[in-house]
Amino acid sequence: MIKQCLICLSFFSFTTAAAQAEETAFSSAHQTPKWEEFAVKEAKKRYPLAQVLFKQKVWDRKRKDEAVKQYHLTLREGAKEFGVFVTISFEPQSKKVNKIVIVEEYQ
């Protein structure tokens, strides 16, 4: 009887630990990077009624004194669906934003 209880208890603790480890790995893998969130926030300032349908990092460049990241966002505002490029220039050491450029994709 005691042996069966120990087996059940060890099985329960093992499955709980495995589930927690899987949940942690899943949540850390799907965290949105800080600069991507910043790009979405800046686009929402210009297009406050738009929904963000898709976001993707296009490219980034890092130098000693400046880093640049560019994101492409697909937005929907009413019946209109369009793309926007958000380019963020910042200082890599201090993370201070120098410049933000938002350009609507040409159609």
PDB file of N, CA and C in Angstrom:
ATOM      1  N   MET A   1       0.826  -1.197   0.000  1.00  0.00           N
ATOM      2  CA  MET A   1       0.000   0.000   0.000  1.00  0.00           C
ATOM      3  C   MET A   1       0.867   1.256   0.000  1.00  0.00           C
ATOM      4  N   ILE A   2       1.849   1.288   0.875  1.00  0.00           N
ATOM      5  CA  ILE A   2       2.735   2.452   0.955  1.00  0.00           C
ATOM      6  C   ILE A   2       3.539   2.589  -0.329  1.00  0.00           C
ATOM      7  N   LYS A   3       3.949   1.442  -0.874  1.00  0.00           N
ATOM      8  CA  LYS A   3       4.709   1.460  -2.123  1.00  0.00           C
ATOM      9  C   LYS A   3       3.873   2.057  -3.257  1.00  0.00           C
ATOM     10  N   GLN A   4       2.598   1.696  -3.341  1.00  0.00           N
ATOM     11  CA  GLN A   4       1.716   2.235  -4.371  1.00  0.00           C
ATOM     12  C   GLN A   4       1.518   3.733  -4.195  1.00  0.00           C
ATOM     13  N   CYS A   5       1.376   4.190  -2.965  1.00  0.00           N
ATOM     14  CA  CYS A   5       1.222   5.636  -2.703  1.00  0.00           C
ATOM     15  C   CYS A   5       2.468   6.400  -3.110  1.00  0.00           C
ATOM     16  N   LEU A   6       3.636   5.828  -2.811  1.00  0.00           N
ATOM     17  CA  LEU A   6       4.891   6.496  -3.193  1.00  0.00           C
ATOM     18  C   LEU A   6       5.034   6.569  -4.713  1.00  0.00           C
ATOM     19  N   ILE A   7       4.630   5.504  -5.398  1.00  0.00           N
ATOM     20  CA  ILE A   7       4.707   5.501  -6.864  1.00  0.00           C
ATOM     21  C   ILE A   7       3.769   6.560  -7.438  1.00  0.00           C
ATOM     22  N   CYS A   8       2.544   6.623  -6.914  1.00  0.00           N
ATOM     23  CA  CYS A   8       1.585   7.634  -7.392  1.00  0.00           C
ATOM     24  C   CYS A   8       2.088   9.045  -7.106  1.00  0.00           C
ATOM     25  N   LEU A   9       2.619   9.256  -5.923  1.00  0.00           N
ATOM     26  CA  LEU A   9       3.118  10.582  -5.543  1.00  0.00           C
ATOM     27  C   LEU A   9       4.302  10.995  -6.408  1.00  0.00           C
ATOM     28  N   SER A  10       5.235  10.057  -6.653  1.00  0.00           N
ATOM     29  CA  SER A  10       6.393  10.401  -7.487  1.00  0.00           C
ATOM     30  C   SER A  10       5.966  10.663  -8.931  1.00  0.00           C
ATOM     31  N   PHE A  11       4.995   9.905  -9.431  1.00  0.00           N
ATOM     32  CA  PHE A  11       4.485  10.133 -10.785  1.00  0.00           C
ATOM     33  C   PHE A  11       3.830  11.508 -10.893  1.00  0.00           C
ATOM     34  N   PHE A  12       3.045  11.870  -9.891  1.00  0.00           N
ATOM     35  CA  PHE A  12       2.368  13.169  -9.881  1.00  0.00           C
ATOM     36  C   PHE A  12       3.376  14.316  -9.836  1.00  0.00           C
ATOM     37  N   SER A  13       4.390  14.209  -8.994  1.00  0.00           N
ATOM     38  CA  SER A  13       5.384  15.287  -8.894  1.00  0.00           C
ATOM     39  C   SER A  13       6.208  15.390 -10.170  1.00  0.00           C
ATOM     40  N   PHE A  14       6.499  14.242 -10.825  1.00  0.00           N
ATOM     41  CA  PHE A  14       7.261  14.259 -12.074  1.00  0.00           C
ATOM     42  C   PHE A  14       6.457  14.931 -13.189  1.00  0.00           C
ATOM     43  N   THR A  15       5.185  14.584 -13.324  1.00  0.00           N
ATOM     44  CA  THR A  15       4.376  15.174 -14.388  1.00  0.00           C
ATOM     45  C   THR A  15       4.146  16.658 -14.143  1.00  0.00           C
ATOM     46  N   THR A  16       4.008  17.070 -12.880  1.00  0.00           N
ATOM     47  CA  THR A  16       3.837  18.491 -12.566  1.00  0.00           C
ATOM     48  C   THR A  16       5.104  19.265 -12.917  1.00  0.00           C
ATOM     49  N   ALA A  17       6.281  18.727 -12.578  1.00  0.00           N
ATOM     50  CA  ALA A  17       7.543  19.393 -12.886  1.00  0.00           C
ATOM     51  C   ALA A  17       7.756  19.484 -14.394  1.00  0.00           C
ATOM     52  N   ALA A  18       7.408  18.416 -15.103  1.00  0.00           N
ATOM     53  CA  ALA A  18       7.566  18.421 -16.561  1.00  0.00           C
ATOM     54  C   ALA A  18       6.634  19.443 -17.199  1.00  0.00           C
ATOM     55  N   ALA A  19       5.417  19.532 -16.701  1.00  0.00           N
ATOM     56  CA  ALA A  19       4.463  20.502 -17.248  1.00  0.00           C
ATOM     57  C   ALA A  19       4.932  21.929 -16.988  1.00  0.00           C
ATOM     58  N   GLN A  20       5.474  22.188 -15.798  1.00  0.00           N
ATOM     59  CA  GLN A  20       5.977  23.530 -15.482  1.00  0.00           C
ATOM     60  C   GLN A  20       7.171  23.879 -16.360  1.00  0.00           C
ATOM     61  N   ALA A  21       8.064  22.939 -16.588  1.00  0.00           N
ATOM     62  CA  ALA A  21       9.234  23.187 -17.434  1.00  0.00           C
ATOM     63  C   ALA A  21       8.806  23.473 -18.864  1.00  0.00           C
ATOM     64  N   GLU A  22       7.821  22.724 -19.353  1.00  0.00           N
ATOM     65  CA  GLU A  22       7.324  22.934 -20.714  1.00  0.00           C
ATOM     66  C   GLU A  22       6.647  24.294 -20.831  1.00  0.00           C
ATOM     67  N   GLU A  23       5.876  24.676 -19.820  1.00  0.00           N
ATOM     68  CA  GLU A  23       5.189  25.973 -19.837  1.00  0.00           C
ATOM     69  C   GLU A  23       6.193  27.118 -19.817  1.00  0.00           C
ATOM     70  N   THR A  24       7.259  26.999 -19.018  1.00  0.00           N
ATOM     71  CA  THR A  24       8.289  28.034 -18.956  1.00  0.00           C
ATOM     72  C   THR A  24       9.001  28.161 -20.290  1.00  0.00           C
ATOM     73  N   ALA A  25       9.342  27.044 -20.914  1.00  0.00           N
ATOM     74  CA  ALA A  25      10.016  27.077 -22.209  1.00  0.00           C
ATOM     75  C   ALA A  25       9.110  27.688 -23.264  1.00  0.00           C
ATOM     76  N   PHE A  26       7.826  27.353 -23.231  1.00  0.00           N
ATOM     77  CA  PHE A  26       6.883  27.895 -24.207  1.00  0.00           C
ATOM     78  C   PHE A  26       6.727  29.397 -24.046  1.00  0.00           C
ATOM     79  N   SER A  27       6.589  29.882 -22.816  1.00  0.00           N
ATOM     80  CA  SER A  27       6.377  31.310 -22.600  1.00  0.00           C
ATOM     81  C   SER A  27       7.625  32.113 -22.920  1.00  0.00           C
ATOM     82  N   SER A  28       8.824  31.598 -22.629  1.00  0.00           N
ATOM     83  CA  SER A  28      10.037  32.361 -22.928  1.00  0.00           C
ATOM     84  C   SER A  28      10.310  32.372 -24.428  1.00  0.00           C
ATOM     85  N   ALA A  29       9.905  31.330 -25.140  1.00  0.00           N
ATOM     86  CA  ALA A  29      10.124  31.285 -26.583  1.00  0.00           C
ATOM     87  C   ALA A  29       9.186  32.230 -27.317  1.00  0.00           C
ATOM     88  N   HIS A  30       8.039  32.538 -26.734  1.00  0.00           N
ATOM     89  CA  HIS A  30       7.054  33.376 -27.401  1.00  0.00           C
ATOM     90  C   HIS A  30       6.968  34.774 -26.817  1.00  0.00           C
ATOM     91  N   GLN A  31       8.003  35.213 -26.119  1.00  0.00           N
ATOM     92  CA  GLN A  31       8.011  36.582 -25.622  1.00  0.00           C
ATOM     93  C   GLN A  31       8.366  37.518 -26.769  1.00  0.00           C
ATOM     94  N   THR A  32       7.673  38.637 -26.825  1.00  0.00           N
ATOM     95  CA  THR A  32       7.924  39.609 -27.864  1.00  0.00           C
ATOM     96  C   THR A  32       9.132  40.456 -27.466  1.00  0.00           C
ATOM     97  N   PRO A  33      10.090  40.644 -28.367  1.00  0.00           N
ATOM     98  CA  PRO A  33      11.243  41.482 -28.048  1.00  0.00           C
ATOM     99  C   PRO A  33      10.823  42.916 -27.740  1.00  0.00           C
ATOM    100  N   LYS A  34      11.626  43.594 -26.923  1.00  0.00           N
ATOM    101  CA  LYS A  34      11.323  44.951 -26.470  1.00  0.00           C
ATOM    102  C   LYS A  34      11.187  45.921 -27.638  1.00  0.00           C
ATOM    103  N   TRP A  35      12.059  45.833 -28.614  1.00  0.00           N
ATOM    104  CA  TRP A  35      12.032  46.801 -29.717  1.00  0.00           C
ATOM    105  C   TRP A  35      10.840  46.558 -30.636  1.00  0.00           C
ATOM    106  N   GLU A  36      10.400  45.326 -30.739  1.00  0.00           N
ATOM    107  CA  GLU A  36       9.210  45.034 -31.547  1.00  0.00           C
ATOM    108  C   GLU A  36       7.972  45.653 -30.893  1.00  0.00           C
ATOM    109  N   GLU A  37       7.871  45.529 -29.584  1.00  0.00           N
ATOM    110  CA  GLU A  37       6.761  46.163 -28.857  1.00  0.00           C
ATOM    111  C   GLU A  37       6.807  47.682 -29.018  1.00  0.00           C
ATOM    112  N   PHE A  38       8.010  48.250 -28.988  1.00  0.00           N
ATOM    113  CA  PHE A  38       8.181  49.686 -29.149  1.00  0.00           C
ATOM    114  C   PHE A  38       7.733  50.127 -30.541  1.00  0.00           C
ATOM    115  N   ALA A  39       8.067  49.327 -31.565  1.00  0.00           N
ATOM    116  CA  ALA A  39       7.658  49.645 -32.939  1.00  0.00           C
ATOM    117  C   ALA A  39       6.140  49.635 -33.065  1.00  0.00           C
ATOM    118  N   VAL A  40       5.493  48.655 -32.448  1.00  0.00           N
ATOM    119  CA  VAL A  40       4.026  48.582 -32.487  1.00  0.00           C
ATOM    120  C   VAL A  40       3.423  49.795 -31.776  1.00  0.00           C
ATOM    121  N   LYS A  41       3.990  50.154 -30.642  1.00  0.00           N
ATOM    122  CA  LYS A  41       3.491  51.309 -29.876  1.00  0.00           C
ATOM    123  C   LYS A  41       3.598  52.603 -30.687  1.00  0.00           C
ATOM    124  N   GLU A  42       4.704  52.786 -31.377  1.00  0.00           N
ATOM    125  CA  GLU A  42       4.896  53.992 -32.188  1.00  0.00           C
ATOM    126  C   GLU A  42       3.952  54.012 -33.396  1.00  0.00           C
ATOM    127  N   ALA A  43       3.724  52.857 -33.993  1.00  0.00           N
ATOM    128  CA  ALA A  43       2.787  52.791 -35.121  1.00  0.00           C
ATOM    129  C   ALA A  43       1.362  53.090 -34.653  1.00  0.00           C
ATOM    130  N   LYS A  44       1.016  52.631 -33.446  1.00  0.00           N
ATOM    131  CA  LYS A  44      -0.317  52.891 -32.908  1.00  0.00           C
ATOM    132  C   LYS A  44      -0.522  54.377 -32.602  1.00  0.00           C
ATOM    133  N   LYS A  45       0.567  55.100 -32.351  1.00  0.00           N
ATOM    134  CA  LYS A  45       0.460  56.561 -32.153  1.00  0.00           C
ATOM    135  C   LYS A  45       0.014  57.230 -33.453  1.00  0.00           C
ATOM    136  N   ARG A  46       0.551  56.768 -34.571  1.00  0.00           N
ATOM    137  CA  ARG A  46       0.207  57.363 -35.858  1.00  0.00           C
ATOM    138  C   ARG A  46      -1.119  56.837 -36.386  1.00  0.00           C
ATOM    139  N   TYR A  47      -1.404  55.573 -36.140  1.00  0.00           N
ATOM    140  CA  TYR A  47      -2.645  54.941 -36.607  1.00  0.00           C
ATOM    141  C   TYR A  47      -3.395  54.382 -35.387  1.00  0.00           C
ATOM    142  N   PRO A  48      -4.039  55.238 -34.604  1.00  0.00           N
ATOM    143  CA  PRO A  48      -4.634  54.784 -33.339  1.00  0.00           C
ATOM    144  C   PRO A  48      -5.807  53.820 -33.490  1.00  0.00           C
ATOM    145  N   LEU A  49      -6.508  53.851 -34.612  1.00  0.00           N
ATOM    146  CA  LEU A  49      -7.665  52.969 -34.795  1.00  0.00           C
ATOM    147  C   LEU A  49      -7.304  51.645 -35.466  1.00  0.00           C
ATOM    148  N   ALA A  50      -6.061  51.480 -35.840  1.00  0.00           N
ATOM    149  CA  ALA A  50      -5.651  50.296 -36.607  1.00  0.00           C
ATOM    150  C   ALA A  50      -5.382  49.103 -35.690  1.00  0.00           C
ATOM    151  N   GLN A  51      -5.679  47.922 -36.220  1.00  0.00           N
ATOM    152  CA  GLN A  51      -5.343  46.663 -35.574  1.00  0.00           C
ATOM    153  C   GLN A  51      -4.043  46.154 -36.177  1.00  0.00           C
ATOM    154  N   VAL A  52      -3.165  45.589 -35.349  1.00  0.00           N
ATOM    155  CA  VAL A  52      -1.924  44.996 -35.843  1.00  0.00           C
ATOM    156  C   VAL A  52      -2.217  43.540 -36.190  1.00  0.00           C
ATOM    157  N   LEU A  53      -2.109  43.204 -37.468  1.00  0.00           N
ATOM    158  CA  LEU A  53      -2.380  41.844 -37.916  1.00  0.00           C
ATOM    159  C   LEU A  53      -1.131  40.974 -37.900  1.00  0.00           C
ATOM    160  N   PHE A  54       0.017  41.574 -38.253  1.00  0.00           N
ATOM    161  CA  PHE A  54       1.250  40.809 -38.392  1.00  0.00           C
ATOM    162  C   PHE A  54       2.428  41.740 -38.140  1.00  0.00           C
ATOM    163  N   LYS A  55       3.465  41.230 -37.496  1.00  0.00           N
ATOM    164  CA  LYS A  55       4.689  42.016 -37.283  1.00  0.00           C
ATOM    165  C   LYS A  55       5.899  41.132 -37.515  1.00  0.00           C
ATOM    166  N   GLN A  56       6.921  41.734 -38.123  1.00  0.00           N
ATOM    167  CA  GLN A  56       8.112  40.976 -38.483  1.00  0.00           C
ATOM    168  C   GLN A  56       9.320  41.896 -38.502  1.00  0.00           C
ATOM    169  N   LYS A  57      10.443  41.408 -37.967  1.00  0.00           N
ATOM    170  CA  LYS A  57      11.685  42.180 -38.056  1.00  0.00           C
ATOM    171  C   LYS A  57      12.256  41.995 -39.448  1.00  0.00           C
ATOM    172  N   VAL A  58      12.559  43.106 -40.118  1.00  0.00           N
ATOM    173  CA  VAL A  58      13.092  43.065 -41.474  1.00  0.00           C
ATOM    174  C   VAL A  58      14.611  42.947 -41.434  1.00  0.00           C
ATOM    175  N   TRP A  59      15.254  43.832 -40.690  1.00  0.00           N
ATOM    176  CA  TRP A  59      16.704  43.797 -40.564  1.00  0.00           C
ATOM    177  C   TRP A  59      17.137  44.605 -39.344  1.00  0.00           C
ATOM    178  N   ASP A  60      18.389  44.412 -38.954  1.00  0.00           N
ATOM    179  CA  ASP A  60      18.988  45.250 -37.922  1.00  0.00           C
ATOM    180  C   ASP A  60      20.480  45.393 -38.199  1.00  0.00           C
ATOM    181  N   ARG A  61      21.018  46.486 -37.689  1.00  0.00           N
ATOM    182  CA  ARG A  61      22.445  46.780 -37.869  1.00  0.00           C
ATOM    183  C   ARG A  61      22.954  47.349 -36.557  1.00  0.00           C
ATOM    184  N   LYS A  62      24.100  46.874 -36.124  1.00  0.00           N
ATOM    185  CA  LYS A  62      24.657  47.370 -34.862  1.00  0.00           C
ATOM    186  C   LYS A  62      26.096  47.804 -35.097  1.00  0.00           C
ATOM    187  N   ARG A  63      26.359  49.047 -34.755  1.00  0.00           N
ATOM    188  CA  ARG A  63      27.716  49.587 -34.789  1.00  0.00           C
ATOM    189  C   ARG A  63      28.088  49.978 -33.375  1.00  0.00           C
ATOM    190  N   LYS A  64      29.292  50.507 -33.208  1.00  0.00           N
ATOM    191  CA  LYS A  64      29.748  50.888 -31.874  1.00  0.00           C
ATOM    192  C   LYS A  64      28.900  52.005 -31.280  1.00  0.00           C
ATOM    193  N   ASP A  65      28.539  53.001 -32.093  1.00  0.00           N
ATOM    194  CA  ASP A  65      27.835  54.184 -31.576  1.00  0.00           C
ATOM    195  C   ASP A  65      26.347  54.218 -31.917  1.00  0.00           C
ATOM    196  N   GLU A  66      25.861  53.320 -32.807  1.00  0.00           N
ATOM    197  CA  GLU A  66      24.463  53.363 -33.216  1.00  0.00           C
ATOM    198  C   GLU A  66      23.970  51.974 -33.632  1.00  0.00           C
ATOM    199  N   ALA A  67      22.741  51.694 -33.264  1.00  0.00           N
ATOM    200  CA  ALA A  67      22.084  50.460 -33.711  1.00  0.00           C
ATOM    201  C   ALA A  67      20.770  50.855 -34.376  1.00  0.00           C
ATOM    202  N   VAL A  68      20.389  50.115 -35.417  1.00  0.00           N
ATOM    203  CA  VAL A  68      19.156  50.395 -36.152  1.00  0.00           C
ATOM    204  C   VAL A  68      18.407  49.081 -36.334  1.00  0.00           C
ATOM    205  N   LYS A  69      17.109  49.111 -36.095  1.00  0.00           N
ATOM    206  CA  LYS A  69      16.246  47.954 -36.324  1.00  0.00           C
ATOM    207  C   LYS A  69      15.056  48.406 -37.153  1.00  0.00           C
ATOM    208  N   GLN A  70      14.642  47.555 -38.083  1.00  0.00           N
ATOM    209  CA  GLN A  70      13.474  47.881 -38.899  1.00  0.00           C
ATOM    210  C   GLN A  70      12.465  46.740 -38.808  1.00  0.00           C
ATOM    211  N   TYR A  71      11.197  47.125 -38.631  1.00  0.00           N
ATOM    212  CA  TYR A  71      10.097  46.174 -38.531  1.00  0.00           C
ATOM    213  C   TYR A  71       9.055  46.489 -39.591  1.00  0.00           C
ATOM    214  N   HIS A  72       8.389  45.443 -40.071  1.00  0.00           N
ATOM    215  CA  HIS A  72       7.273  45.603 -40.993  1.00  0.00           C
ATOM    216  C   HIS A  72       6.022  45.161 -40.263  1.00  0.00           C
ATOM    217  N   LEU A  73       5.026  46.045 -40.199  1.00  0.00           N
ATOM    218  CA  LEU A  73       3.762  45.748 -39.545  1.00  0.00           C
ATOM    219  C   LEU A  73       2.655  45.765 -40.585  1.00  0.00           C
ATOM    220  N   THR A  74       1.779  44.796 -40.533  1.00  0.00           N
ATOM    221  CA  THR A  74       0.582  44.805 -41.368  1.00  0.00           C
ATOM    222  C   THR A  74      -0.562  45.265 -40.486  1.00  0.00           C
ATOM    223  N   LEU A  75      -1.211  46.346 -40.902  1.00  0.00           N
ATOM    224  CA  LEU A  75      -2.274  46.962 -40.111  1.00  0.00           C
ATOM    225  C   LEU A  75      -3.594  46.898 -40.858  1.00  0.00           C
ATOM    226  N   ARG A  76      -4.690  46.934 -40.098  1.00  0.00           N
ATOM    227  CA  ARG A  76      -6.026  47.027 -40.676  1.00  0.00           C
ATOM    228  C   ARG A  76      -6.754  48.161 -39.965  1.00  0.00           C
ATOM    229  N   GLU A  77      -7.218  49.108 -40.778  1.00  0.00           N
ATOM    230  CA  GLU A  77      -7.978  50.241 -40.253  1.00  0.00           C
ATOM    231  C   GLU A  77      -9.290  50.288 -41.024  1.00  0.00           C
ATOM    232  N   GLY A  78     -10.351  49.812 -40.390  1.00  0.00           N
ATOM    233  CA  GLY A  78     -11.625  49.684 -41.093  1.00  0.00           C
ATOM    234  C   GLY A  78     -11.517  48.584 -42.128  1.00  0.00           C
ATOM    235  N   ALA A  79     -11.819  48.898 -43.380  1.00  0.00           N
ATOM    236  CA  ALA A  79     -11.713  47.920 -44.465  1.00  0.00           C
ATOM    237  C   ALA A  79     -10.347  47.979 -45.149  1.00  0.00           C
ATOM    238  N   LYS A  80      -9.532  48.956 -44.793  1.00  0.00           N
ATOM    239  CA  LYS A  80      -8.231  49.147 -45.431  1.00  0.00           C
ATOM    240  C   LYS A  80      -7.157  48.324 -44.712  1.00  0.00           C
ATOM    241  N   GLU A  81      -6.431  47.526 -45.480  1.00  0.00           N
ATOM    242  CA  GLU A  81      -5.315  46.757 -44.952  1.00  0.00           C
ATOM    243  C   GLU A  81      -4.046  47.249 -45.630  1.00  0.00           C
ATOM    244  N   PHE A  82      -3.028  47.577 -44.843  1.00  0.00           N
ATOM    245  CA  PHE A  82      -1.813  48.170 -45.407  1.00  0.00           C
ATOM    246  C   PHE A  82      -0.607  47.810 -44.554  1.00  0.00           C
ATOM    247  N   GLY A  83       0.569  48.013 -45.145  1.00  0.00           N
ATOM    248  CA  GLY A  83       1.824  47.731 -44.465  1.00  0.00           C
ATOM    249  C   GLY A  83       2.536  49.009 -44.080  1.00  0.00           C
ATOM    250  N   VAL A  84       3.275  48.931 -42.985  1.00  0.00           N
ATOM    251  CA  VAL A  84       4.025  50.071 -42.463  1.00  0.00           C
ATOM    252  C   VAL A  84       5.422  49.585 -42.079  1.00  0.00           C
ATOM    253  N   PHE A  85       6.449  50.351 -42.457  1.00  0.00           N
ATOM    254  CA  PHE A  85       7.811  50.071 -42.019  1.00  0.00           C
ATOM    255  C   PHE A  85       8.142  51.015 -40.872  1.00  0.00           C
ATOM    256  N   VAL A  86       8.602  50.462 -39.756  1.00  0.00           N
ATOM    257  CA  VAL A  86       9.009  51.262 -38.597  1.00  0.00           C
ATOM    258  C   VAL A  86      10.503  51.034 -38.406  1.00  0.00           C
ATOM    259  N   THR A  87      11.280  52.116 -38.508  1.00  0.00           N
ATOM    260  CA  THR A  87      12.729  52.049 -38.330  1.00  0.00           C
ATOM    261  C   THR A  87      13.098  52.790 -37.060  1.00  0.00           C
ATOM    262  N   ILE A  88      13.837  52.110 -36.181  1.00  0.00           N
ATOM    263  CA  ILE A  88      14.225  52.674 -34.884  1.00  0.00           C
ATOM    264  C   ILE A  88      15.741  52.753 -34.836  1.00  0.00           C
ATOM    265  N   SER A  89      16.254  53.953 -34.580  1.00  0.00           N
ATOM    266  CA  SER A  89      17.685  54.171 -34.422  1.00  0.00           C
ATOM    267  C   SER A  89      17.944  54.507 -32.952  1.00  0.00           C
ATOM    268  N   PHE A  90      18.924  53.829 -32.336  1.00  0.00           N
ATOM    269  CA  PHE A  90      19.182  54.048 -30.909  1.00  0.00           C
ATOM    270  C   PHE A  90      20.648  53.800 -30.587  1.00  0.00           C
ATOM    271  N   GLU A  91      21.057  54.279 -29.414  1.00  0.00           N
ATOM    272  CA  GLU A  91      22.417  54.057 -28.924  1.00  0.00           C
ATOM    273  C   GLU A  91      22.457  52.701 -28.215  1.00  0.00           C
ATOM    274  N   PRO A  92      23.355  51.804 -28.625  1.00  0.00           N
ATOM    275  CA  PRO A  92      23.339  50.447 -28.078  1.00  0.00           C
ATOM    276  C   PRO A  92      23.661  50.363 -26.576  1.00  0.00           C
ATOM    277  N   GLN A  93      24.537  51.222 -26.082  1.00  0.00           N
ATOM    278  CA  GLN A  93      24.911  51.136 -24.669  1.00  0.00           C
ATOM    279  C   GLN A  93      23.797  51.631 -23.752  1.00  0.00           C
ATOM    280  N   SER A  94      23.255  52.797 -24.054  1.00  0.00           N
ATOM    281  CA  SER A  94      22.245  53.407 -23.178  1.00  0.00           C
ATOM    282  C   SER A  94      20.814  53.062 -23.582  1.00  0.00           C
ATOM    283  N   LYS A  95      20.632  52.493 -24.772  1.00  0.00           N
ATOM    284  CA  LYS A  95      19.304  52.174 -25.328  1.00  0.00           C
ATOM    285  C   LYS A  95      18.454  53.428 -25.543  1.00  0.00           C
ATOM    286  N   LYS A  96      19.092  54.586 -25.635  1.00  0.00           N
ATOM    287  CA  LYS A  96      18.389  55.850 -25.872  1.00  0.00           C
ATOM    288  C   LYS A  96      18.010  55.928 -27.352  1.00  0.00           C
ATOM    289  N   VAL A  97      16.733  56.198 -27.612  1.00  0.00           N
ATOM    290  CA  VAL A  97      16.241  56.269 -28.982  1.00  0.00           C
ATOM    291  C   VAL A  97      16.647  57.599 -29.600  1.00  0.00           C
ATOM    292  N   ASN A  98      17.294  57.536 -30.758  1.00  0.00           N
ATOM    293  CA  ASN A  98      17.705  58.739 -31.482  1.00  0.00           C
ATOM    294  C   ASN A  98      16.643  59.194 -32.475  1.00  0.00           C
ATOM    295  N   LYS A  99      16.069  58.229 -33.208  1.00  0.00           N
ATOM    296  CA  LYS A  99      15.170  58.580 -34.297  1.00  0.00           C
ATOM    297  C   LYS A  99      14.203  57.433 -34.570  1.00  0.00           C
ATOM    298  N   ILE A 100      12.971  57.791 -34.898  1.00  0.00           N
ATOM    299  CA  ILE A 100      11.956  56.814 -35.285  1.00  0.00           C
ATOM    300  C   ILE A 100      11.367  57.276 -36.611  1.00  0.00           C
ATOM    301  N   VAL A 101      11.358  56.402 -37.602  1.00  0.00           N
ATOM    302  CA  VAL A 101      10.793  56.725 -38.908  1.00  0.00           C
ATOM    303  C   VAL A 101       9.698  55.699 -39.205  1.00  0.00           C
ATOM    304  N   ILE A 102       8.502  56.207 -39.528  1.00  0.00           N
ATOM    305  CA  ILE A 102       7.381  55.340 -39.885  1.00  0.00           C
ATOM    306  C   ILE A 102       6.969  55.695 -41.314  1.00  0.00           C
ATOM    307  N   VAL A 103       7.049  54.703 -42.204  1.00  0.00           N
ATOM    308  CA  VAL A 103       6.736  54.922 -43.623  1.00  0.00           C
ATOM    309  C   VAL A 103       5.692  53.888 -44.033  1.00  0.00           C
ATOM    310  N   GLU A 104       4.601  54.404 -44.641  1.00  0.00           N
ATOM    311  CA  GLU A 104       3.568  53.503 -45.133  1.00  0.00           C
ATOM    312  C   GLU A 104       4.072  52.848 -46.414  1.00  0.00           C
ATOM    313  N   GLU A 105       3.807  51.569 -46.545  1.00  0.00           N
ATOM    314  CA  GLU A 105       4.243  50.809 -47.695  1.00  0.00           C
ATOM    315  C   GLU A 105       3.516  51.310 -48.949  1.00  0.00           C
ATOM    316  N   TYR A 106       4.273  51.462 -50.039  1.00  0.00           N
ATOM    317  CA  TYR A 106       3.704  51.939 -51.286  1.00  0.00           C
ATOM    318  C   TYR A 106       2.894  50.827 -51.927  1.00  0.00           C
ATOM    319  N   GLN A 107       1.704  51.185 -52.461  1.00  0.00           N
ATOM    320  CA  GLN A 107       0.883  50.167 -53.099  1.00  0.00           C
ATOM    321  C   GLN A 107       0.550  50.542 -54.509  1.00  0.00           C
TER     322      GLN A 107
END
